[in-house]
Amino acid sequence: MKDRSDPPNHVARDRRTSPIDECRSYDFIVCGAGSSGSVVAARLAEDSNASVLLLEAGGDDVSETVSNPGQWPLNLGSERDWAFVGQPAGGLGGRQLSLNMGKGLGGGSSINVMVWARGHREDWNHFAQEAGDEAWGYESVLGYYRRIEDWRGTPDALRRGVGGPVYVAQSQQPQPIARTLVDAAGLLGIPVFDSPNGEMMESAGGAAIADLRVRDGKRQSVFRSYVHRMEAGSNLTVVTHALVTRILIEGRRAVGVEILLNGERRQFRARCETILSLGAIQTPKVLMQSGIGPQAELQAHGIDVIQHLPGVGRNHQDHIAFGCTWAHRKSEAVSAGGCEATLYWKSDARLPAPDILQCQLEFAVPSPAEAEIETPEHGWTMFAGLAQPKSRGRVRLSGRNADDPVLIEPNSLSAEEDMAAAIATVELCRDIGNSSAFDPLVTHEAAPGLRDRAGLIDFIRKSAVSYWHQSGTAKMGQDWMSVVDGQLRVYGIASLRIADSSIMPRITVGNTMAPCVVIGERAADMIAKQHGLSTAAPASAAADANLEPAF
């Protein structure tokens, strides 16, 4: 039998390039072919009676820089990257962060480091509390992960899935530097796990070899896993180079979208629903330029207010990291995308979930120029980061037109708690990296080196970079700052939902690709139920009644 995670060889390219009829309407229009939008579109199209249009602002994913895991850095700053830049941040000494974001089929999953991180149990339980819906809770989400995954590691019938569309595996032979990191963490008393996505995501944290989306040396993007595997000639139409400029609204109902397609303005109508999966920057921009957002800001740009939602663009969150680097004794090999080991831990044992996130890269990453740190020719870097930052930023408009750049205010390290956690994560990273376990592999610590508290704070402010996990700018919840309800429906506007990282009430622990897939699956299930579609069996608690709870 053919492996379900293998896409058919005969998938037609013309689905992405053939002209579309502007006079035609679709049942569903999904905006954005990234880690959530690809899932929503593919799942809805499983019902052959539903017509689905998937719009992507970027181009195709047919490039060696996409398929080859080791070439991901070459996509940064290219046509496959939105290449956003944050506004100067006081917490960073006035520096501006590069906020890279995938642009093209697969979105971030086509240019990222391919780490599969599910989010901590407390993340999903917080989602459920904010939404007022236990279907967002951890026990329910485990059902989704069992449906999603094609896990190729140690079996775990409760927490892992087999035969799903998402191939997940660990490196068969991790590089010595990755295995040494896990061993060094163990020497410090940090628990070591077989995988970061089993019990480790229910505990205080630990260290493990990373789960990756790499198969036979090739990247497995979410688009390839969900959309590309569908039969040619299906009811799913995918259009690239289609920039969504605004939502078409009649009365208080979304009826479609306006786009720029190869420079031409066109409109497409949705009979049932329009779904925004444009990411934490473009989603709030399109909402605001469509008249949905903070009244004062819209009026300042001459935009008619259709629905006053003060939370649009607010609650911006991101994982911030500080590169700690060591020099190798000799040049060492790099596997996959260079990230094979990861660590989550608490800066304070009283915290409900890890607030420290560390991912190892098997090469030396240059520090920002402001840090004035020399990068060794051969080395490795641990990105010591904040898993649960308390700082909140904002996304604002600079104008009412599609080509007016969005203004991103990350506000990084503005919260006092974040600096305390930053110091803790860098100190822990140094303790691990300077362990005797690394003596056979490294010569010395290149960054940050021994510093007093003031020097360490200076290093943190000058070396901070983004993990590119922007989230939260159209959050799910029930308070006055919420933009969508527990069903991901935009408050005050019928037939409009959001399914991407912008709906996160708070950012999840770890890389955000896997949670975005869950968000896409949840959205598809809710839409399918409302409209009577026949899709994959829901990941319900009833379907998994034979399994014991995880907690």
Protein backbone atom coordinates (compact mmCIF):
# COMPACT_ATOMS: atom_id res chain seq x y z
CA MET A 1 0.00 0.00 0.00
CA LYS A 2 1.26 3.48 -0.81
CA ASP A 3 2.37 5.47 2.23
CA ARG A 4 -0.36 8.03 3.02
CA SER A 5 2.25 10.70 3.67
CA ASP A 6 3.68 10.38 0.14
CA PRO A 7 2.12 12.91 -2.27
CA PRO A 8 0.90 11.51 -5.60
CA ASN A 9 3.46 11.81 -8.35
CA HIS A 10 0.89 13.08 -10.81
CA VAL A 11 -0.13 16.27 -8.99
CA ALA A 12 -0.77 18.86 -11.67
CA ARG A 13 1.27 22.03 -11.66
CA ASP A 14 -1.44 23.87 -13.59
CA ARG A 15 -3.48 24.08 -10.40
CA ARG A 16 -1.06 26.77 -9.31
CA THR A 17 -0.62 28.56 -12.62
CA SER A 18 -3.78 28.19 -14.71
CA PRO A 19 -6.02 31.26 -15.14
CA ILE A 20 -9.11 31.52 -12.96
CA ASP A 21 -12.50 32.85 -13.87
CA GLU A 22 -13.23 36.07 -12.05
CA CYS A 23 -16.94 35.60 -12.60
CA ARG A 24 -16.89 32.33 -10.71
CA SER A 25 -17.64 32.24 -7.02
CA TYR A 26 -16.34 29.65 -4.60
CA ASP A 27 -17.83 28.08 -1.53
CA PHE A 28 -14.75 28.94 0.51
CA ILE A 29 -11.86 31.32 -0.03
CA VAL A 30 -8.75 30.69 2.08
CA CYS A 31 -6.21 33.51 2.10
CA GLY A 32 -2.64 32.34 2.68
CA ALA A 33 -1.05 28.96 1.86
CA GLY A 34 1.10 28.68 4.97
CA SER A 35 1.09 26.34 7.95
CA SER A 36 -2.60 26.96 8.76
CA GLY A 37 -4.13 27.98 5.42
CA SER A 38 -2.82 24.92 3.59
CA VAL A 39 -4.51 22.72 6.18
CA VAL A 40 -7.84 24.55 6.07
CA ALA A 41 -8.02 24.51 2.27
CA ALA A 42 -7.05 20.87 1.88
CA ARG A 43 -9.40 19.63 4.59
CA LEU A 44 -12.39 21.56 3.21
CA ALA A 45 -11.64 20.27 -0.27
CA GLU A 46 -11.89 16.68 0.98
CA ASP A 47 -15.61 17.12 0.38
CA SER A 48 -15.80 16.92 -3.40
CA ASN A 49 -18.95 19.04 -3.41
CA ALA A 50 -17.13 22.03 -1.88
CA SER A 51 -15.24 24.42 -4.15
CA VAL A 52 -12.22 25.99 -2.47
CA LEU A 53 -9.96 28.83 -3.63
CA LEU A 54 -6.54 29.10 -1.93
CA LEU A 55 -4.76 32.41 -2.50
CA GLU A 56 -1.05 32.95 -1.88
CA ALA A 57 0.80 36.27 -2.21
CA GLY A 58 4.13 34.60 -2.92
CA GLY A 59 5.27 32.20 -5.59
CA ASP A 60 5.76 28.46 -5.89
CA ASP A 61 7.90 26.19 -3.73
CA VAL A 62 9.90 24.62 -6.56
CA SER A 63 13.42 25.60 -5.53
CA GLU A 64 16.48 23.86 -4.16
CA THR A 65 16.57 26.46 -1.39
CA VAL A 66 13.18 25.15 -0.23
CA SER A 67 13.58 21.41 -0.73
CA ASN A 68 17.15 21.24 0.61
CA PRO A 69 16.93 21.64 4.41
CA GLY A 70 20.46 22.98 4.70
CA GLN A 71 19.80 25.91 2.38
CA TRP A 72 17.09 27.59 4.46
CA PRO A 73 19.25 30.66 5.27
CA LEU A 74 19.40 31.47 1.53
CA ASN A 75 15.67 32.22 1.57
CA LEU A 76 16.04 35.02 4.10
CA GLY A 77 15.74 38.35 2.33
CA SER A 78 14.74 36.65 -0.93
CA GLU A 79 11.42 36.71 -2.80
CA ARG A 80 10.33 33.91 -0.42
CA ASP A 81 10.50 36.23 2.59
CA TRP A 82 8.25 39.14 3.53
CA ALA A 83 11.40 40.56 5.16
CA PHE A 84 9.56 42.65 7.71
CA VAL A 85 11.59 44.92 10.00
CA GLY A 86 10.41 46.06 13.40
CA GLN A 87 10.35 49.64 14.59
CA PRO A 88 13.19 50.72 16.90
CA ALA A 89 12.72 49.10 20.31
CA GLY A 90 13.76 50.80 23.53
CA GLY A 91 14.36 47.44 25.20
CA LEU A 92 16.91 46.67 22.50
CA GLY A 93 18.72 49.97 22.81
CA GLY A 94 16.88 51.37 19.80
CA ARG A 95 17.76 48.48 17.50
CA GLN A 96 15.37 47.17 14.85
CA LEU A 97 14.68 43.44 14.60
CA SER A 98 14.59 41.56 11.33
CA LEU A 99 11.23 39.79 11.35
CA ASN A 100 11.46 37.28 8.53
CA MET A 101 8.27 35.54 7.46
CA GLY A 102 7.64 32.98 4.73
CA LYS A 103 6.08 34.21 1.49
CA GLY A 104 5.10 31.49 -0.97
CA LEU A 105 3.48 28.08 -0.98
CA GLY A 106 4.05 26.61 2.46
CA GLY A 107 4.65 29.98 4.11
CA GLY A 108 7.05 29.69 7.03
CA SER A 109 7.13 25.90 6.71
CA SER A 110 8.97 26.33 3.40
CA ILE A 111 11.81 28.44 4.81
CA ASN A 112 12.06 27.51 8.50
CA VAL A 113 14.40 25.18 10.40
CA MET A 114 11.70 22.47 10.37
CA VAL A 115 11.48 21.90 14.14
CA TRP A 116 8.19 20.24 15.14
CA ALA A 117 7.19 21.53 18.59
CA ARG A 118 3.65 20.93 19.82
CA GLY A 119 3.29 23.55 22.52
CA HIS A 120 3.08 22.77 26.22
CA ARG A 121 0.03 21.28 27.94
CA GLU A 122 -0.46 24.59 29.80
CA ASP A 123 -0.53 26.50 26.48
CA TRP A 124 -3.51 24.56 25.18
CA ASN A 125 -5.33 24.62 28.49
CA HIS A 126 -4.87 28.40 28.48
CA PHE A 127 -6.35 28.52 24.96
CA ALA A 128 -9.37 26.58 26.24
CA GLN A 129 -9.81 28.92 29.19
CA GLU A 130 -9.61 32.01 27.00
CA ALA A 131 -11.99 30.57 24.42
CA GLY A 132 -14.41 29.14 26.97
CA ASP A 133 -14.24 25.87 25.06
CA GLU A 134 -12.58 22.67 26.26
CA ALA A 135 -12.17 21.56 22.64
CA TRP A 136 -9.08 23.81 22.62
CA GLY A 137 -7.66 22.04 25.70
CA TYR A 138 -4.70 19.72 25.81
CA GLU A 139 -6.63 16.44 25.90
CA SER A 140 -8.56 17.44 22.77
CA VAL A 141 -5.42 18.69 21.03
CA LEU A 142 -3.72 15.35 21.63
CA GLY A 143 -6.46 13.89 19.44
CA TYR A 144 -5.56 16.32 16.69
CA TYR A 145 -1.89 15.46 16.91
CA ARG A 146 -2.71 11.76 16.68
CA ARG A 147 -4.65 12.53 13.50
CA ILE A 148 -2.01 14.85 12.06
CA GLU A 149 1.22 12.95 12.60
CA ASP A 150 3.03 10.19 10.83
CA TRP A 151 5.51 9.74 13.68
CA ARG A 152 8.59 7.62 12.96
CA GLY A 153 10.07 7.48 16.44
CA THR A 154 9.45 5.61 19.69
CA PRO A 155 5.78 4.53 19.71
CA ASP A 156 3.47 6.36 22.11
CA ALA A 157 -0.16 5.49 21.40
CA LEU A 158 -1.45 8.21 23.70
CA ARG A 159 0.57 11.14 22.42
CA ARG A 160 1.77 10.29 18.90
CA GLY A 161 0.00 9.56 15.64
CA VAL A 162 0.93 7.20 12.79
CA GLY A 163 -0.28 7.40 9.19
CA GLY A 164 -1.30 11.06 9.19
CA PRO A 165 -0.25 13.62 6.57
CA VAL A 166 2.60 15.14 8.62
CA TYR A 167 5.82 13.12 8.57
CA VAL A 168 7.80 13.72 11.78
CA ALA A 169 11.10 12.06 12.66
CA GLN A 170 14.36 12.58 14.49
CA SER A 171 17.77 12.37 12.90
CA GLN A 172 18.92 8.75 12.80
CA GLN A 173 22.48 9.84 13.53
CA PRO A 174 22.52 13.25 15.25
CA GLN A 175 25.78 15.13 15.01
CA PRO A 176 28.06 14.79 18.07
CA ILE A 177 27.44 18.40 19.05
CA ALA A 178 23.67 17.73 19.36
CA ARG A 179 24.05 14.56 21.39
CA THR A 180 26.62 16.28 23.62
CA LEU A 181 24.21 19.12 24.35
CA VAL A 182 21.58 16.68 25.57
CA ASP A 183 24.17 14.85 27.68
CA ALA A 184 25.48 18.12 29.16
CA ALA A 185 21.95 19.17 30.14
CA GLY A 186 21.52 15.81 31.86
CA LEU A 187 24.70 16.38 33.86
CA LEU A 188 23.11 19.57 35.23
CA GLY A 189 20.08 17.61 36.41
CA ILE A 190 17.78 18.55 33.54
CA PRO A 191 15.63 15.55 32.55
CA VAL A 192 16.44 13.95 29.20
CA PHE A 193 13.59 12.65 27.03
CA ASP A 194 13.30 10.48 23.92
CA SER A 195 11.38 13.29 22.21
CA PRO A 196 10.47 16.89 23.05
CA ASN A 197 6.84 16.22 22.08
CA GLY A 198 5.74 13.49 24.47
CA GLU A 199 5.87 13.68 28.25
CA MET A 200 8.34 16.56 28.02
CA MET A 201 5.53 18.90 26.90
CA GLU A 202 3.55 17.99 30.01
CA SER A 203 6.39 18.56 32.49
CA ALA A 204 8.72 21.22 33.81
CA GLY A 205 10.79 20.75 30.66
CA GLY A 206 13.87 18.88 29.61
CA ALA A 207 16.32 18.25 26.79
CA ALA A 208 15.93 16.05 23.73
CA ILE A 209 16.98 15.46 20.16
CA ALA A 210 14.60 17.60 18.08
CA ASP A 211 11.68 16.28 16.06
CA LEU A 212 12.01 17.49 12.47
CA ARG A 213 10.01 17.72 9.25
CA VAL A 214 12.73 16.21 7.04
CA ARG A 215 12.32 13.04 5.01
CA ASP A 216 15.02 11.37 2.94
CA GLY A 217 17.00 14.58 3.11
CA LYS A 218 14.13 16.74 1.83
CA ARG A 219 12.00 19.40 3.54
CA GLN A 220 8.40 18.45 4.22
CA SER A 221 6.45 21.72 4.13
CA VAL A 222 2.86 21.85 5.34
CA PHE A 223 1.72 22.73 1.81
CA ARG A 224 3.42 19.62 0.44
CA SER A 225 1.94 17.46 3.19
CA TYR A 226 -1.64 18.66 2.77
CA VAL A 227 -2.31 20.34 -0.58
CA HIS A 228 0.26 18.90 -2.94
CA ARG A 229 -0.77 15.32 -2.13
CA MET A 230 -4.34 15.86 -3.41
CA GLU A 231 -5.48 14.40 -6.68
CA ALA A 232 -5.08 16.45 -9.86
CA GLY A 233 -8.26 18.07 -11.10
CA SER A 234 -9.69 18.36 -7.64
CA ASN A 235 -12.10 21.02 -6.42
CA LEU A 236 -9.23 22.99 -4.90
CA THR A 237 -7.83 25.90 -6.91
CA VAL A 238 -4.48 27.34 -5.80
CA VAL A 239 -3.38 30.73 -7.11
CA THR A 240 0.03 32.25 -6.45
CA HIS A 241 1.14 35.90 -6.69
CA ALA A 242 -2.31 36.86 -5.40
CA LEU A 243 -2.00 39.61 -2.79
CA VAL A 244 -5.17 39.96 -0.72
CA THR A 245 -5.85 43.67 -0.30
CA ARG A 246 -9.21 43.73 1.46
CA ILE A 247 -12.24 41.71 2.46
CA LEU A 248 -15.45 42.37 0.55
CA ILE A 249 -18.20 43.08 3.06
CA GLU A 250 -21.89 43.56 2.40
CA GLY A 251 -23.80 44.78 5.40
CA ARG A 252 -22.01 42.91 8.16
CA ARG A 253 -21.16 39.78 6.17
CA ALA A 254 -17.93 38.91 4.38
CA VAL A 255 -18.69 37.87 0.80
CA GLY A 256 -15.21 37.50 -0.68
CA VAL A 257 -11.92 39.30 -1.23
CA GLU A 258 -10.22 41.80 -3.46
CA ILE A 259 -6.72 40.87 -4.62
CA LEU A 260 -3.88 42.13 -6.75
CA LEU A 261 -3.06 39.35 -9.20
CA ASN A 262 0.04 40.09 -11.24
CA GLY A 263 -0.62 43.79 -10.69
CA GLU A 264 -4.30 43.65 -11.69
CA ARG A 265 -7.07 44.31 -9.18
CA ARG A 266 -9.61 41.46 -9.12
CA GLN A 267 -12.42 40.28 -6.90
CA PHE A 268 -13.60 36.79 -5.94
CA ARG A 269 -16.70 35.92 -4.00
CA ALA A 270 -17.25 33.25 -1.35
CA ARG A 271 -20.72 31.74 -1.00
CA CYS A 272 -20.08 30.29 2.46
CA GLU A 273 -17.00 31.71 4.22
CA THR A 274 -13.77 33.63 3.84
CA ILE A 275 -10.83 32.49 5.99
CA LEU A 276 -7.79 34.66 6.70
CA SER A 277 -4.57 32.68 7.21
CA LEU A 278 -2.13 35.43 6.33
CA GLY A 279 -0.06 35.37 9.51
CA ALA A 280 0.33 37.70 12.46
CA ILE A 281 1.32 40.70 10.34
CA GLN A 282 -0.74 40.53 7.15
CA THR A 283 -3.93 39.32 8.83
CA PRO A 284 -4.35 42.43 11.04
CA LYS A 285 -3.27 44.65 8.14
CA VAL A 286 -5.97 43.28 5.84
CA LEU A 287 -8.56 43.45 8.62
CA MET A 288 -7.80 47.10 9.31
CA GLN A 289 -7.66 48.09 5.65
CA SER A 290 -11.07 46.41 5.28
CA GLY A 291 -12.58 48.56 8.04
CA ILE A 292 -12.24 46.08 10.92
CA GLY A 293 -10.09 47.25 13.81
CA PRO A 294 -9.46 50.11 16.24
CA GLN A 295 -11.81 52.94 15.30
CA ALA A 296 -9.36 55.78 15.97
CA GLU A 297 -6.59 54.24 13.88
CA LEU A 298 -8.86 53.45 10.94
CA GLN A 299 -10.31 56.95 10.94
CA ALA A 300 -6.82 58.45 11.06
CA HIS A 301 -6.14 56.81 7.70
CA GLY A 302 -9.50 57.69 6.19
CA ILE A 303 -10.84 54.12 6.38
CA ASP A 304 -14.56 53.70 6.99
CA VAL A 305 -15.15 51.75 10.18
CA ILE A 306 -17.33 48.70 9.65
CA GLN A 307 -16.53 46.94 12.93
CA HIS A 308 -14.69 48.54 15.86
CA LEU A 309 -12.38 45.86 17.29
CA PRO A 310 -9.66 47.50 19.41
CA GLY A 311 -7.63 44.27 19.68
CA VAL A 312 -6.75 44.05 15.98
CA GLY A 313 -2.98 44.48 15.75
CA ARG A 314 -2.53 44.41 19.53
CA ASN A 315 -1.02 41.61 21.70
CA HIS A 316 1.93 41.09 19.32
CA GLN A 317 4.27 38.41 20.71
CA ASP A 318 7.42 36.70 19.54
CA HIS A 319 10.11 34.42 20.89
CA ILE A 320 13.30 36.43 21.37
CA ALA A 321 16.70 34.71 21.46
CA PHE A 322 20.28 35.52 22.41
CA GLY A 323 23.01 33.74 20.51
CA CYS A 324 25.57 32.03 22.76
CA THR A 325 28.44 30.67 20.69
CA TRP A 326 31.38 28.31 21.14
CA ALA A 327 34.36 27.70 18.83
CA HIS A 328 34.91 24.19 17.45
CA ARG A 329 38.32 22.54 17.61
CA LYS A 330 37.84 21.67 13.95
CA SER A 331 35.18 21.96 11.31
CA GLU A 332 32.18 19.76 12.17
CA ALA A 333 29.44 18.43 9.92
CA VAL A 334 25.97 20.00 9.85
CA SER A 335 22.88 17.82 9.44
CA ALA A 336 19.46 18.68 7.99
CA GLY A 337 18.80 22.37 8.74
CA GLY A 338 21.42 22.40 11.46
CA CYS A 339 19.05 22.15 14.43
CA GLU A 340 19.02 18.70 16.02
CA ALA A 341 18.77 19.41 19.76
CA THR A 342 16.41 21.48 21.86
CA LEU A 343 15.77 22.33 25.50
CA TYR A 344 12.86 23.78 27.49
CA TRP A 345 13.19 24.73 31.15
CA LYS A 346 11.88 26.99 33.90
CA SER A 347 13.70 30.00 35.24
CA ASP A 348 11.56 29.59 38.38
CA ALA A 349 10.28 26.19 39.54
CA ARG A 350 6.99 27.80 40.60
CA LEU A 351 6.04 28.62 36.99
CA PRO A 352 3.29 26.47 35.43
CA ALA A 353 5.24 25.90 32.21
CA PRO A 354 8.79 26.37 30.87
CA ASP A 355 9.69 29.98 30.12
CA ILE A 356 13.10 29.13 28.64
CA LEU A 357 13.45 27.94 25.06
CA GLN A 358 16.80 26.90 23.63
CA CYS A 359 17.51 25.54 20.15
CA GLN A 360 20.98 24.49 19.06
CA LEU A 361 22.41 25.31 15.65
CA GLU A 362 25.37 23.28 14.47
CA PHE A 363 27.15 26.29 13.03
CA ALA A 364 28.30 29.62 14.42
CA VAL A 365 25.65 32.31 13.92
CA PRO A 366 27.02 35.89 13.70
CA SER A 367 25.80 38.23 16.42
CA PRO A 368 24.23 41.57 15.43
CA ALA A 369 26.86 44.16 14.57
CA GLU A 370 25.95 46.22 17.65
CA ALA A 371 27.15 43.39 19.91
CA GLU A 372 30.70 43.74 18.52
CA ILE A 373 31.44 40.04 18.94
CA GLU A 374 33.76 38.18 16.61
CA THR A 375 32.25 35.01 15.16
CA PRO A 376 34.54 31.96 15.12
CA GLU A 377 35.20 30.39 11.72
CA HIS A 378 33.98 27.04 13.01
CA GLY A 379 31.60 26.74 15.92
CA TRP A 380 28.07 26.22 17.17
CA THR A 381 25.40 28.53 18.57
CA MET A 382 22.69 27.95 21.11
CA PHE A 383 19.78 30.35 20.75
CA ALA A 384 18.89 30.93 24.40
CA GLY A 385 15.39 32.33 24.21
CA LEU A 386 12.22 33.35 25.98
CA ALA A 387 9.46 30.76 25.66
CA GLN A 388 6.76 32.84 27.37
CA PRO A 389 7.62 36.54 26.92
CA LYS A 390 5.52 39.02 28.86
CA SER A 391 6.27 41.97 26.56
CA ARG A 392 3.49 42.89 24.15
CA GLY A 393 3.83 44.80 20.92
CA ARG A 394 1.60 46.17 18.22
CA VAL A 395 1.01 46.18 14.46
CA ARG A 396 -0.16 49.49 12.97
CA LEU A 397 -1.00 50.88 9.56
CA SER A 398 1.06 53.52 7.79
CA GLY A 399 -1.68 54.14 5.22
CA ARG A 400 -4.85 52.80 3.69
CA ASN A 401 -3.34 51.27 0.54
CA ALA A 402 -2.08 47.74 -0.03
CA ASP A 403 1.44 48.96 -0.80
CA ASP A 404 1.67 51.08 2.35
CA PRO A 405 4.09 49.23 4.65
CA VAL A 406 2.82 47.88 7.93
CA LEU A 407 4.46 49.25 11.10
CA ILE A 408 5.52 46.55 13.56
CA GLU A 409 6.35 47.56 17.12
CA PRO A 410 7.69 44.39 18.80
CA ASN A 411 8.31 46.21 22.10
CA SER A 412 10.81 43.46 22.92
CA LEU A 413 12.22 43.22 26.46
CA SER A 414 9.93 46.00 27.66
CA ALA A 415 8.59 43.87 30.51
CA GLU A 416 10.80 43.60 33.57
CA GLU A 417 10.07 39.87 33.86
CA ASP A 418 11.52 39.29 30.39
CA MET A 419 14.92 40.67 31.30
CA ALA A 420 15.03 38.44 34.39
CA ALA A 421 14.15 35.40 32.25
CA ALA A 422 16.68 36.47 29.61
CA ILE A 423 19.46 36.53 32.17
CA ALA A 424 18.40 33.10 33.43
CA THR A 425 18.33 31.54 29.97
CA VAL A 426 21.76 32.93 29.02
CA GLU A 427 23.28 31.79 32.31
CA LEU A 428 21.81 28.31 31.88
CA CYS A 429 23.08 28.20 28.32
CA ARG A 430 26.60 29.09 29.47
CA ASP A 431 26.48 26.42 32.17
CA ILE A 432 25.56 23.81 29.58
CA GLY A 433 27.93 24.99 26.86
CA ASN A 434 30.89 25.20 29.23
CA SER A 435 30.31 21.67 30.53
CA SER A 436 33.27 19.32 30.42
CA ALA A 437 31.18 17.15 28.09
CA PHE A 438 32.04 19.59 25.29
CA ASP A 439 35.81 19.56 25.90
CA PRO A 440 36.55 17.15 23.02
CA LEU A 441 34.61 19.35 20.60
CA VAL A 442 35.19 23.01 21.48
CA THR A 443 38.08 25.27 22.41
CA HIS A 444 36.38 28.22 24.10
CA GLU A 445 33.23 30.29 24.55
CA ALA A 446 33.02 33.06 21.97
CA ALA A 447 29.82 34.75 23.19
CA PRO A 448 28.82 36.15 25.55
CA GLY A 449 31.82 35.23 27.72
CA LEU A 450 32.21 36.00 31.39
CA ARG A 451 30.49 39.32 32.23
CA ASP A 452 29.11 41.09 35.26
CA ARG A 453 25.37 41.71 35.47
CA ALA A 454 25.54 45.04 33.65
CA GLY A 455 27.65 43.49 30.90
CA LEU A 456 25.24 40.59 30.55
CA ILE A 457 22.27 42.94 30.22
CA ASP A 458 24.19 44.88 27.59
CA PHE A 459 24.85 41.64 25.69
CA ILE A 460 21.17 40.68 25.88
CA ARG A 461 19.95 44.03 24.55
CA LYS A 462 22.51 44.13 21.73
CA SER A 463 22.36 40.48 20.66
CA ALA A 464 18.61 39.79 20.82
CA VAL A 465 17.13 38.43 17.61
CA SER A 466 13.73 37.05 16.65
CA TYR A 467 12.88 33.38 16.41
CA TRP A 468 10.39 34.52 13.70
CA HIS A 469 7.41 33.23 15.67
CA GLN A 470 5.19 36.30 15.54
CA SER A 471 1.77 35.66 17.07
CA GLY A 472 -1.25 37.02 18.89
CA THR A 473 -2.34 40.05 16.84
CA ALA A 474 -5.98 38.94 16.40
CA LYS A 475 -6.40 36.93 19.54
CA MET A 476 -9.08 34.41 20.42
CA GLY A 477 -11.02 35.11 23.57
CA GLN A 478 -14.03 36.67 25.26
CA ASP A 479 -12.70 40.00 26.52
CA TRP A 480 -12.84 43.40 24.85
CA MET A 481 -9.41 42.90 23.21
CA SER A 482 -10.42 39.65 21.53
CA VAL A 483 -10.87 39.58 17.76
CA VAL A 484 -12.26 36.07 17.28
CA ASP A 485 -14.39 33.78 19.42
CA GLY A 486 -13.69 30.14 20.25
CA GLN A 487 -14.97 29.16 16.79
CA LEU A 488 -12.42 31.56 15.21
CA ARG A 489 -15.24 33.77 13.91
CA VAL A 490 -14.45 37.48 13.72
CA TYR A 491 -16.65 39.37 16.14
CA GLY A 492 -19.32 41.41 14.41
CA ILE A 493 -18.69 40.10 10.87
CA ALA A 494 -20.51 37.02 9.62
CA SER A 495 -18.84 34.41 7.37
CA LEU A 496 -15.31 35.54 8.28
CA ARG A 497 -12.82 33.48 10.29
CA ILE A 498 -9.15 33.67 11.10
CA ALA A 499 -6.92 30.61 11.26
CA ASP A 500 -3.24 31.34 11.86
CA SER A 501 -0.82 32.29 14.64
CA SER A 502 -2.52 35.66 15.11
CA ILE A 503 -5.38 33.99 17.05
CA MET A 504 -3.08 32.74 19.82
CA PRO A 505 -4.04 34.36 23.14
CA ARG A 506 -0.41 33.85 24.10
CA ILE A 507 2.49 32.38 22.18
CA THR A 508 3.07 28.66 22.63
CA VAL A 509 6.20 27.17 24.18
CA GLY A 510 8.50 26.22 21.32
CA ASN A 511 8.42 26.68 17.56
CA THR A 512 4.97 27.61 16.27
CA MET A 513 4.59 25.53 13.07
CA ALA A 514 2.92 22.54 14.76
CA PRO A 515 0.39 24.65 16.73
CA CYS A 516 -0.48 26.45 13.47
CA VAL A 517 -1.30 23.09 11.89
CA VAL A 518 -3.60 22.31 14.83
CA ILE A 519 -5.26 25.72 14.42
CA GLY A 520 -5.85 24.88 10.75
CA GLU A 521 -7.31 21.49 11.62
CA ARG A 522 -9.56 22.99 14.30
CA ALA A 523 -10.80 25.67 11.89
CA ALA A 524 -11.53 23.11 9.17
CA ASP A 525 -13.48 20.92 11.59
CA MET A 526 -15.60 23.82 12.81
CA ILE A 527 -16.29 25.08 9.29
CA ALA A 528 -17.11 21.59 8.04
CA LYS A 529 -19.53 21.01 10.89
CA GLN A 530 -21.34 24.30 10.32
CA HIS A 531 -21.75 23.69 6.59
CA GLY A 532 -22.34 19.95 6.65
CA LEU A 533 -19.15 18.98 4.83
CA SER A 534 -17.70 15.49 4.77
CA THR A 535 -14.00 15.65 5.70
CA ALA A 536 -11.55 13.59 7.74
CA ALA A 537 -13.03 12.21 10.96
CA PRO A 538 -12.89 14.84 13.74
CA ALA A 539 -10.25 14.39 16.43
CA SER A 540 -12.86 14.16 19.14
CA ALA A 541 -12.55 12.85 22.65
CA ALA A 542 -15.26 10.31 21.78
CA ALA A 543 -13.18 8.91 18.93
CA ASP A 544 -10.32 8.37 21.36
CA ALA A 545 -12.40 7.04 24.25
CA ASN A 546 -10.25 3.93 24.47
CA LEU A 547 -7.21 6.00 25.44
CA GLU A 548 -6.37 7.10 28.94
CA PRO A 549 -6.01 10.87 29.59
CA ALA A 550 -2.50 12.29 29.54
CA PHE A 551 -2.88 13.84 32.97
